Amino acid sequence: MRLAPNTGTVPVGVSKFLLPHERQVISVNQHPAVLIRPVFEVLVGLAIASWVSISVAHGNDTVILVIWIFWALLLLRLLWKVFDWLTNYFVITSQRLLLTQGFLTRKVEMIPLDKVTDMSFQRSMMGQLLGYGRFIVESAGQNQAMRIVDLLPHPEQLYLEVCELIFKDQEETLSKP
């Protein structure tokens, strides 16, 4: 099973980093599993805040206000994580691998496809259950910007797409008389 190339519009947060001659092959966000912990924390915080407000605070408005302010901070943290998740992309283009992260402080990591010497992916047991994996990218240079890309959805299909792009030039060279 292969992922269909993403021929739709390029996300705005990514399009400004594409070169004029470059075509986007695939853009994906991290797997939604990155949000499991913050959602869990908000739900547990809600249960604790409710219990403390009802059972322990005994109508003390100041204590109740402080408890719900702490819970609101957890909720704001979750919203921050969701917005961050929505703006982070792993992009495979015809020329490079790009990883864009952050929305207040933007960080863009890149490695040209022709510099990739080795690439593998790993899947933990949880990754196999939920459908995500980790890419490990090696290049010829010692200092590389992108080495590990975590929590990618459909890692097998993404791996095949990248390998096809990396080895396409070698196949074309071998097929020429």
N, C-alpha and C. Protein backbone atom coordinates (compact mmCIF):
# COMPACT_ATOMS: atom_id res chain seq x y z
N MET A 1 0.85 -1.18 0.00
CA MET A 1 0.00 0.00 0.00
C MET A 1 0.88 1.23 0.00
N ARG A 2 0.60 2.15 -0.91
CA ARG A 2 1.40 3.36 -1.04
C ARG A 2 0.54 4.57 -0.76
N LEU A 3 1.15 5.59 -0.23
CA LEU A 3 0.46 6.86 -0.04
C LEU A 3 0.34 7.54 -1.40
N ALA A 4 -0.79 8.09 -1.67
CA ALA A 4 -0.93 8.87 -2.89
C ALA A 4 -0.14 10.16 -2.73
N PRO A 5 0.52 10.60 -3.79
CA PRO A 5 1.24 11.88 -3.68
C PRO A 5 0.28 12.99 -3.29
N ASN A 6 0.76 13.88 -2.49
CA ASN A 6 -0.04 15.01 -2.04
C ASN A 6 0.01 16.08 -3.12
N THR A 7 -0.96 16.06 -4.01
CA THR A 7 -0.95 17.00 -5.13
C THR A 7 -1.79 18.23 -4.85
N GLY A 8 -2.40 18.29 -3.68
CA GLY A 8 -3.21 19.45 -3.31
C GLY A 8 -2.33 20.65 -3.02
N THR A 9 -2.91 21.60 -2.37
CA THR A 9 -2.15 22.80 -2.06
C THR A 9 -1.13 22.50 -0.98
N VAL A 10 -0.02 23.18 -1.10
CA VAL A 10 1.04 23.06 -0.11
C VAL A 10 0.65 23.91 1.08
N PRO A 11 0.79 23.39 2.32
CA PRO A 11 0.46 24.21 3.48
C PRO A 11 1.25 25.52 3.47
N VAL A 12 0.60 26.59 3.88
CA VAL A 12 1.21 27.92 3.86
C VAL A 12 2.52 27.94 4.63
N GLY A 13 2.55 27.26 5.78
CA GLY A 13 3.76 27.23 6.59
C GLY A 13 4.92 26.53 5.92
N VAL A 14 4.64 25.78 4.85
CA VAL A 14 5.67 25.02 4.15
C VAL A 14 6.02 25.67 2.81
N SER A 15 5.04 26.22 2.13
CA SER A 15 5.23 26.72 0.76
C SER A 15 6.33 27.77 0.65
N LYS A 16 6.51 28.57 1.68
CA LYS A 16 7.54 29.61 1.60
C LYS A 16 8.96 29.05 1.68
N PHE A 17 9.09 27.77 2.01
CA PHE A 17 10.42 27.16 2.08
C PHE A 17 10.74 26.30 0.85
N LEU A 18 9.79 26.18 -0.08
CA LEU A 18 10.02 25.39 -1.29
C LEU A 18 10.71 26.25 -2.35
N LEU A 19 11.65 25.64 -3.05
CA LEU A 19 12.35 26.32 -4.13
C LEU A 19 11.45 26.34 -5.37
N PRO A 20 11.67 27.30 -6.28
CA PRO A 20 10.79 27.41 -7.47
C PRO A 20 10.77 26.14 -8.33
N HIS A 21 11.88 25.45 -8.45
CA HIS A 21 11.96 24.25 -9.31
C HIS A 21 11.58 22.97 -8.57
N GLU A 22 11.22 23.09 -7.31
CA GLU A 22 10.97 21.93 -6.46
C GLU A 22 9.48 21.62 -6.44
N ARG A 23 9.16 20.35 -6.48
CA ARG A 23 7.75 19.97 -6.35
C ARG A 23 7.58 19.16 -5.07
N GLN A 24 6.49 19.43 -4.42
CA GLN A 24 6.15 18.71 -3.19
C GLN A 24 5.65 17.33 -3.57
N VAL A 25 6.13 16.31 -2.86
CA VAL A 25 5.65 14.96 -3.07
C VAL A 25 4.63 14.62 -1.98
N ILE A 26 5.03 14.80 -0.72
CA ILE A 26 4.14 14.51 0.41
C ILE A 26 4.42 15.50 1.54
N SER A 27 3.35 15.94 2.21
CA SER A 27 3.47 16.71 3.45
C SER A 27 2.59 16.02 4.49
N VAL A 28 3.17 15.74 5.66
CA VAL A 28 2.39 15.13 6.73
C VAL A 28 2.70 15.82 8.05
N ASN A 29 1.69 15.87 8.89
CA ASN A 29 1.89 16.29 10.28
C ASN A 29 2.39 15.08 11.05
N GLN A 30 2.90 15.33 12.24
CA GLN A 30 3.20 14.21 13.12
C GLN A 30 1.90 13.47 13.41
N HIS A 31 2.03 12.25 13.85
CA HIS A 31 0.86 11.45 14.21
C HIS A 31 0.13 12.13 15.38
N PRO A 32 -1.21 12.07 15.41
CA PRO A 32 -1.95 12.68 16.52
C PRO A 32 -1.59 12.09 17.89
N ALA A 33 -0.87 10.98 17.91
CA ALA A 33 -0.45 10.40 19.19
C ALA A 33 0.39 11.37 20.00
N VAL A 34 0.97 12.37 19.36
CA VAL A 34 1.75 13.38 20.07
C VAL A 34 0.85 14.14 21.06
N LEU A 35 -0.46 14.09 20.86
CA LEU A 35 -1.40 14.81 21.72
C LEU A 35 -1.99 13.95 22.83
N ILE A 36 -1.66 12.67 22.88
CA ILE A 36 -2.25 11.78 23.87
C ILE A 36 -1.95 12.23 25.29
N ARG A 37 -0.70 12.51 25.59
CA ARG A 37 -0.35 12.90 26.95
C ARG A 37 -1.01 14.21 27.38
N PRO A 38 -0.95 15.28 26.57
CA PRO A 38 -1.62 16.52 27.00
C PRO A 38 -3.14 16.35 27.18
N VAL A 39 -3.79 15.57 26.34
CA VAL A 39 -5.23 15.33 26.50
C VAL A 39 -5.48 14.57 27.80
N PHE A 40 -4.66 13.56 28.07
CA PHE A 40 -4.79 12.79 29.31
C PHE A 40 -4.62 13.69 30.53
N GLU A 41 -3.61 14.57 30.49
CA GLU A 41 -3.36 15.48 31.61
C GLU A 41 -4.54 16.42 31.85
N VAL A 42 -5.16 16.91 30.78
CA VAL A 42 -6.32 17.80 30.93
C VAL A 42 -7.49 17.04 31.54
N LEU A 43 -7.71 15.81 31.09
CA LEU A 43 -8.83 15.02 31.62
C LEU A 43 -8.62 14.65 33.09
N VAL A 44 -7.41 14.24 33.44
CA VAL A 44 -7.11 13.93 34.83
C VAL A 44 -7.20 15.20 35.68
N GLY A 45 -6.68 16.29 35.15
CA GLY A 45 -6.77 17.57 35.86
C GLY A 45 -8.21 18.00 36.08
N LEU A 46 -9.07 17.75 35.09
CA LEU A 46 -10.49 18.08 35.23
C LEU A 46 -11.14 17.25 36.34
N ALA A 47 -10.81 15.96 36.36
CA ALA A 47 -11.37 15.08 37.40
C ALA A 47 -10.89 15.51 38.78
N ILE A 48 -9.61 15.81 38.90
CA ILE A 48 -9.06 16.23 40.20
C ILE A 48 -9.64 17.58 40.63
N ALA A 49 -9.70 18.53 39.70
CA ALA A 49 -10.25 19.86 40.03
C ALA A 49 -11.71 19.75 40.46
N SER A 50 -12.47 18.91 39.77
CA SER A 50 -13.88 18.73 40.15
C SER A 50 -14.00 18.12 41.53
N TRP A 51 -13.23 17.08 41.77
CA TRP A 51 -13.29 16.39 43.07
C TRP A 51 -12.88 17.31 44.21
N VAL A 52 -11.77 18.04 44.01
CA VAL A 52 -11.29 18.95 45.06
C VAL A 52 -12.31 20.08 45.28
N SER A 53 -12.89 20.61 44.22
CA SER A 53 -13.87 21.68 44.35
C SER A 53 -15.10 21.24 45.14
N ILE A 54 -15.53 20.01 44.88
CA ILE A 54 -16.74 19.51 45.53
C ILE A 54 -16.46 18.98 46.94
N SER A 55 -15.40 18.19 47.09
CA SER A 55 -15.17 17.47 48.34
C SER A 55 -14.27 18.18 49.34
N VAL A 56 -13.25 18.86 48.88
CA VAL A 56 -12.23 19.38 49.78
C VAL A 56 -12.40 20.88 50.04
N ALA A 57 -12.76 21.66 49.02
CA ALA A 57 -12.78 23.12 49.15
C ALA A 57 -13.92 23.61 50.05
N HIS A 58 -14.99 22.87 50.14
CA HIS A 58 -16.13 23.22 51.01
C HIS A 58 -16.59 24.67 50.83
N GLY A 59 -16.73 25.09 49.60
CA GLY A 59 -17.26 26.42 49.32
C GLY A 59 -16.27 27.56 49.47
N ASN A 60 -14.99 27.27 49.70
CA ASN A 60 -13.96 28.32 49.81
C ASN A 60 -13.68 28.83 48.39
N ASP A 61 -14.22 30.00 48.08
CA ASP A 61 -14.14 30.54 46.72
C ASP A 61 -12.71 30.75 46.24
N THR A 62 -11.82 31.16 47.12
CA THR A 62 -10.43 31.40 46.74
C THR A 62 -9.75 30.10 46.33
N VAL A 63 -9.94 29.05 47.10
CA VAL A 63 -9.34 27.75 46.77
C VAL A 63 -9.92 27.23 45.46
N ILE A 64 -11.22 27.36 45.31
CA ILE A 64 -11.86 26.89 44.07
C ILE A 64 -11.33 27.66 42.87
N LEU A 65 -11.17 28.96 42.99
CA LEU A 65 -10.64 29.78 41.90
C LEU A 65 -9.22 29.35 41.53
N VAL A 66 -8.37 29.13 42.53
CA VAL A 66 -6.98 28.71 42.27
C VAL A 66 -6.96 27.35 41.56
N ILE A 67 -7.79 26.43 42.01
CA ILE A 67 -7.85 25.10 41.40
C ILE A 67 -8.22 25.20 39.93
N TRP A 68 -9.25 25.99 39.63
CA TRP A 68 -9.71 26.09 38.24
C TRP A 68 -8.75 26.91 37.39
N ILE A 69 -8.00 27.81 37.99
CA ILE A 69 -6.95 28.52 37.23
C ILE A 69 -5.86 27.53 36.82
N PHE A 70 -5.46 26.64 37.73
CA PHE A 70 -4.47 25.61 37.37
C PHE A 70 -5.00 24.71 36.25
N TRP A 71 -6.28 24.34 36.33
CA TRP A 71 -6.83 23.50 35.27
C TRP A 71 -6.89 24.27 33.94
N ALA A 72 -7.22 25.55 33.99
CA ALA A 72 -7.25 26.36 32.77
C ALA A 72 -5.86 26.45 32.14
N LEU A 73 -4.83 26.48 32.97
CA LEU A 73 -3.46 26.48 32.44
C LEU A 73 -3.15 25.17 31.71
N LEU A 74 -3.62 24.05 32.27
CA LEU A 74 -3.48 22.77 31.57
C LEU A 74 -4.20 22.78 30.22
N LEU A 75 -5.39 23.36 30.21
CA LEU A 75 -6.16 23.45 28.98
C LEU A 75 -5.46 24.34 27.96
N LEU A 76 -4.91 25.46 28.39
CA LEU A 76 -4.15 26.33 27.49
C LEU A 76 -2.93 25.62 26.93
N ARG A 77 -2.27 24.82 27.77
CA ARG A 77 -1.12 24.05 27.32
C ARG A 77 -1.53 23.05 26.23
N LEU A 78 -2.69 22.42 26.42
CA LEU A 78 -3.20 21.50 25.41
C LEU A 78 -3.48 22.24 24.10
N LEU A 79 -4.11 23.39 24.18
CA LEU A 79 -4.38 24.17 22.97
C LEU A 79 -3.08 24.57 22.26
N TRP A 80 -2.07 24.93 23.05
CA TRP A 80 -0.76 25.26 22.49
C TRP A 80 -0.19 24.05 21.74
N LYS A 81 -0.27 22.88 22.35
CA LYS A 81 0.24 21.65 21.72
C LYS A 81 -0.51 21.33 20.44
N VAL A 82 -1.83 21.52 20.45
CA VAL A 82 -2.63 21.24 19.24
C VAL A 82 -2.23 22.21 18.13
N PHE A 83 -2.10 23.50 18.45
CA PHE A 83 -1.71 24.48 17.44
C PHE A 83 -0.31 24.18 16.92
N ASP A 84 0.60 23.81 17.81
CA ASP A 84 1.95 23.44 17.40
C ASP A 84 1.92 22.23 16.47
N TRP A 85 1.12 21.24 16.82
CA TRP A 85 0.99 20.04 15.99
C TRP A 85 0.45 20.38 14.61
N LEU A 86 -0.49 21.30 14.53
CA LEU A 86 -1.08 21.68 13.26
C LEU A 86 -0.11 22.44 12.35
N THR A 87 0.91 23.06 12.92
CA THR A 87 1.85 23.86 12.13
C THR A 87 3.16 23.14 11.83
N ASN A 88 3.37 21.94 12.40
CA ASN A 88 4.60 21.18 12.16
C ASN A 88 4.38 20.20 11.02
N TYR A 89 5.32 20.19 10.07
CA TYR A 89 5.21 19.30 8.91
C TYR A 89 6.52 18.60 8.61
N PHE A 90 6.40 17.37 8.15
CA PHE A 90 7.50 16.65 7.52
C PHE A 90 7.16 16.64 6.05
N VAL A 91 8.05 17.19 5.22
CA VAL A 91 7.77 17.36 3.81
C VAL A 91 8.82 16.61 2.99
N ILE A 92 8.32 15.85 2.03
CA ILE A 92 9.18 15.19 1.07
C ILE A 92 8.97 15.91 -0.25
N THR A 93 10.05 16.47 -0.79
CA THR A 93 9.95 17.14 -2.09
C THR A 93 10.77 16.35 -3.10
N SER A 94 10.79 16.82 -4.31
CA SER A 94 11.57 16.16 -5.35
C SER A 94 13.07 16.32 -5.12
N GLN A 95 13.46 17.25 -4.24
CA GLN A 95 14.87 17.54 -4.02
C GLN A 95 15.36 17.30 -2.59
N ARG A 96 14.46 17.45 -1.59
CA ARG A 96 14.90 17.48 -0.21
C ARG A 96 13.89 16.84 0.74
N LEU A 97 14.36 16.63 1.96
CA LEU A 97 13.50 16.31 3.09
C LEU A 97 13.50 17.55 3.97
N LEU A 98 12.31 18.02 4.35
CA LEU A 98 12.18 19.21 5.20
C LEU A 98 11.39 18.85 6.44
N LEU A 99 11.80 19.43 7.56
CA LEU A 99 11.06 19.30 8.80
C LEU A 99 10.85 20.71 9.32
N THR A 100 9.59 21.17 9.33
CA THR A 100 9.29 22.51 9.83
C THR A 100 8.62 22.36 11.19
N GLN A 101 9.08 23.15 12.16
CA GLN A 101 8.57 23.05 13.53
C GLN A 101 8.42 24.44 14.13
N GLY A 102 7.45 24.57 15.03
CA GLY A 102 7.26 25.78 15.80
C GLY A 102 6.42 26.81 15.07
N PHE A 103 5.69 27.61 15.83
CA PHE A 103 4.91 28.67 15.20
C PHE A 103 5.30 30.05 15.71
N LEU A 104 5.85 30.16 16.89
CA LEU A 104 6.38 31.45 17.33
C LEU A 104 7.83 31.58 16.90
N THR A 105 8.61 30.58 17.18
CA THR A 105 9.99 30.51 16.71
C THR A 105 10.04 29.38 15.69
N ARG A 106 10.15 29.72 14.43
CA ARG A 106 10.11 28.73 13.35
C ARG A 106 11.48 28.09 13.19
N LYS A 107 11.49 26.78 13.11
CA LYS A 107 12.73 26.03 12.91
C LYS A 107 12.51 25.13 11.69
N VAL A 108 13.42 25.22 10.73
CA VAL A 108 13.32 24.42 9.52
C VAL A 108 14.61 23.63 9.37
N GLU A 109 14.46 22.31 9.36
CA GLU A 109 15.61 21.44 9.14
C GLU A 109 15.47 20.84 7.75
N MET A 110 16.60 20.66 7.06
CA MET A 110 16.56 20.20 5.69
C MET A 110 17.76 19.32 5.40
N ILE A 111 17.54 18.34 4.54
CA ILE A 111 18.64 17.55 4.03
C ILE A 111 18.35 17.24 2.56
N PRO A 112 19.29 17.53 1.66
CA PRO A 112 19.07 17.21 0.25
C PRO A 112 19.00 15.69 0.07
N LEU A 113 18.13 15.25 -0.82
CA LEU A 113 17.97 13.82 -1.05
C LEU A 113 19.27 13.17 -1.52
N ASP A 114 20.07 13.90 -2.31
CA ASP A 114 21.30 13.30 -2.81
C ASP A 114 22.38 13.18 -1.74
N LYS A 115 22.18 13.79 -0.57
CA LYS A 115 23.13 13.66 0.54
C LYS A 115 22.74 12.56 1.54
N VAL A 116 21.55 11.99 1.37
CA VAL A 116 21.11 10.92 2.27
C VAL A 116 21.87 9.66 1.91
N THR A 117 22.65 9.15 2.88
CA THR A 117 23.42 7.93 2.64
C THR A 117 22.73 6.70 3.24
N ASP A 118 21.93 6.92 4.25
CA ASP A 118 21.23 5.80 4.89
C ASP A 118 20.00 6.35 5.59
N MET A 119 18.94 5.58 5.53
CA MET A 119 17.72 5.97 6.21
C MET A 119 17.01 4.71 6.68
N SER A 120 16.52 4.77 7.90
CA SER A 120 15.76 3.63 8.42
C SER A 120 14.60 4.17 9.24
N PHE A 121 13.70 3.28 9.58
CA PHE A 121 12.63 3.68 10.49
C PHE A 121 12.47 2.63 11.55
N GLN A 122 12.02 3.09 12.70
CA GLN A 122 11.78 2.19 13.83
C GLN A 122 10.34 2.36 14.26
N ARG A 123 9.77 1.26 14.76
CA ARG A 123 8.41 1.31 15.29
C ARG A 123 8.39 0.59 16.62
N SER A 124 8.05 1.31 17.67
CA SER A 124 7.89 0.70 18.98
C SER A 124 6.59 -0.09 18.97
N MET A 125 6.33 -0.81 20.05
CA MET A 125 5.08 -1.56 20.12
C MET A 125 3.89 -0.59 20.08
N MET A 126 3.99 0.53 20.81
CA MET A 126 2.93 1.52 20.78
C MET A 126 2.79 2.12 19.38
N GLY A 127 3.91 2.34 18.72
CA GLY A 127 3.89 2.86 17.35
C GLY A 127 3.21 1.90 16.39
N GLN A 128 3.42 0.61 16.60
CA GLN A 128 2.75 -0.39 15.75
C GLN A 128 1.25 -0.40 16.01
N LEU A 129 0.86 -0.25 17.26
CA LEU A 129 -0.57 -0.24 17.60
C LEU A 129 -1.28 1.01 17.05
N LEU A 130 -0.62 2.16 17.18
CA LEU A 130 -1.25 3.42 16.80
C LEU A 130 -0.93 3.87 15.38
N GLY A 131 0.08 3.27 14.76
CA GLY A 131 0.38 3.59 13.37
C GLY A 131 1.37 4.72 13.16
N TYR A 132 2.40 4.80 14.00
CA TYR A 132 3.43 5.81 13.79
C TYR A 132 4.80 5.18 13.92
N GLY A 133 5.82 5.92 13.49
CA GLY A 133 7.19 5.43 13.56
C GLY A 133 8.17 6.59 13.61
N ARG A 134 9.44 6.23 13.66
CA ARG A 134 10.54 7.20 13.75
C ARG A 134 11.48 6.96 12.57
N PHE A 135 11.85 8.05 11.89
CA PHE A 135 12.84 7.99 10.82
C PHE A 135 14.20 8.37 11.40
N ILE A 136 15.21 7.66 10.97
CA ILE A 136 16.58 7.98 11.31
C ILE A 136 17.31 8.19 9.99
N VAL A 137 17.78 9.42 9.77
CA VAL A 137 18.38 9.81 8.51
C VAL A 137 19.87 10.01 8.72
N GLU A 138 20.67 9.42 7.87
CA GLU A 138 22.13 9.57 7.92
C GLU A 138 22.59 10.26 6.64
N SER A 139 23.58 11.13 6.77
CA SER A 139 24.14 11.78 5.58
C SER A 139 25.65 11.68 5.61
N ALA A 140 26.27 12.08 4.52
CA ALA A 140 27.72 11.99 4.39
C ALA A 140 28.44 12.94 5.35
N GLY A 141 27.85 14.07 5.64
CA GLY A 141 28.48 15.05 6.52
C GLY A 141 28.33 14.68 7.99
N GLN A 142 29.24 15.17 8.82
CA GLN A 142 29.18 14.91 10.25
C GLN A 142 28.06 15.69 10.92
N ASN A 143 27.93 16.98 10.58
CA ASN A 143 26.92 17.83 11.20
C ASN A 143 25.71 17.92 10.29
N GLN A 144 24.68 17.21 10.63
CA GLN A 144 23.48 17.26 9.82
C GLN A 144 22.35 17.87 10.63
N ALA A 145 21.53 18.65 9.94
CA ALA A 145 20.44 19.34 10.63
C ALA A 145 19.35 18.37 11.05
N MET A 146 19.05 17.41 10.20
CA MET A 146 17.95 16.50 10.48
C MET A 146 18.50 15.09 10.65
N ARG A 147 18.32 14.53 11.81
CA ARG A 147 18.76 13.16 12.07
C ARG A 147 17.59 12.26 12.44
N ILE A 148 16.76 12.70 13.38
CA ILE A 148 15.64 11.88 13.84
C ILE A 148 14.34 12.65 13.63
N VAL A 149 13.39 12.00 13.00
CA VAL A 149 12.05 12.56 12.81
C VAL A 149 11.09 11.60 13.49
N ASP A 150 10.46 12.07 14.55
CA ASP A 150 9.66 11.21 15.42
C ASP A 150 8.17 11.29 15.11
N LEU A 151 7.45 10.25 15.47
CA LEU A 151 5.99 10.18 15.43
C LEU A 151 5.41 10.47 14.06
N LEU A 152 5.97 9.85 13.02
CA LEU A 152 5.44 10.03 11.67
C LEU A 152 4.36 8.99 11.38
N PRO A 153 3.24 9.42 10.81
CA PRO A 153 2.21 8.44 10.43
C PRO A 153 2.65 7.69 9.18
N HIS A 154 2.17 6.49 9.02
CA HIS A 154 2.44 5.65 7.84
C HIS A 154 3.94 5.57 7.50
N PRO A 155 4.78 5.15 8.45
CA PRO A 155 6.23 5.20 8.19
C PRO A 155 6.67 4.30 7.05
N GLU A 156 6.04 3.15 6.87
CA GLU A 156 6.45 2.27 5.77
C GLU A 156 6.23 2.93 4.42
N GLN A 157 5.07 3.55 4.24
CA GLN A 157 4.76 4.20 2.98
C GLN A 157 5.67 5.41 2.74
N LEU A 158 5.90 6.19 3.80
CA LEU A 158 6.81 7.33 3.66
C LEU A 158 8.22 6.86 3.32
N TYR A 159 8.64 5.77 3.94
CA TYR A 159 9.96 5.21 3.67
C TYR A 159 10.08 4.82 2.20
N LEU A 160 9.05 4.18 1.66
CA LEU A 160 9.06 3.79 0.25
C LEU A 160 9.11 5.00 -0.66
N GLU A 161 8.37 6.04 -0.32
CA GLU A 161 8.38 7.26 -1.13
C GLU A 161 9.77 7.89 -1.16
N VAL A 162 10.40 7.97 0.00
CA VAL A 162 11.74 8.57 0.06
C VAL A 162 12.74 7.71 -0.69
N CYS A 163 12.68 6.40 -0.49
CA CYS A 163 13.61 5.51 -1.21
C CYS A 163 13.43 5.61 -2.72
N GLU A 164 12.18 5.73 -3.16
CA GLU A 164 11.93 5.87 -4.60
C GLU A 164 12.57 7.14 -5.13
N LEU A 165 12.47 8.23 -4.39
CA LEU A 165 13.08 9.49 -4.84
C LEU A 165 14.61 9.42 -4.79
N ILE A 166 15.15 8.79 -3.75
CA ILE A 166 16.62 8.70 -3.62
C ILE A 166 17.20 7.84 -4.73
N PHE A 167 16.58 6.72 -5.01
CA PHE A 167 17.14 5.77 -5.95
C PHE A 167 16.67 5.98 -7.38
N LYS A 168 15.77 6.95 -7.61
CA LYS A 168 15.29 7.23 -8.96
C LYS A 168 16.44 7.64 -9.86
N ASP A 169 17.31 8.52 -9.37
CA ASP A 169 18.46 8.97 -10.17
C ASP A 169 19.38 7.81 -10.51
N GLN A 170 19.59 6.90 -9.56
CA GLN A 170 20.45 5.75 -9.81
C GLN A 170 19.83 4.83 -10.85
N GLU A 171 18.50 4.65 -10.82
CA GLU A 171 17.82 3.81 -11.81
C GLU A 171 17.93 4.42 -13.19
N GLU A 172 17.77 5.76 -13.28
CA GLU A 172 17.89 6.43 -14.56
C GLU A 172 19.30 6.30 -15.11
N THR A 173 20.32 6.38 -14.26
CA THR A 173 21.72 6.25 -14.69
C THR A 173 21.98 4.84 -15.19
N LEU A 174 21.48 3.83 -14.50
CA LEU A 174 21.68 2.44 -14.90
C LEU A 174 20.95 2.09 -16.18
N SER A 175 19.82 2.73 -16.46
CA SER A 175 19.03 2.39 -17.65
C SER A 175 19.53 3.08 -18.91
N LYS A 176 20.41 4.09 -18.77
CA LYS A 176 20.95 4.77 -19.95
C LYS A 176 21.99 3.89 -20.61
N PRO A 177 21.95 3.82 -21.98
CA PRO A 177 22.94 2.98 -22.70
C PRO A 177 24.29 3.59 -22.76
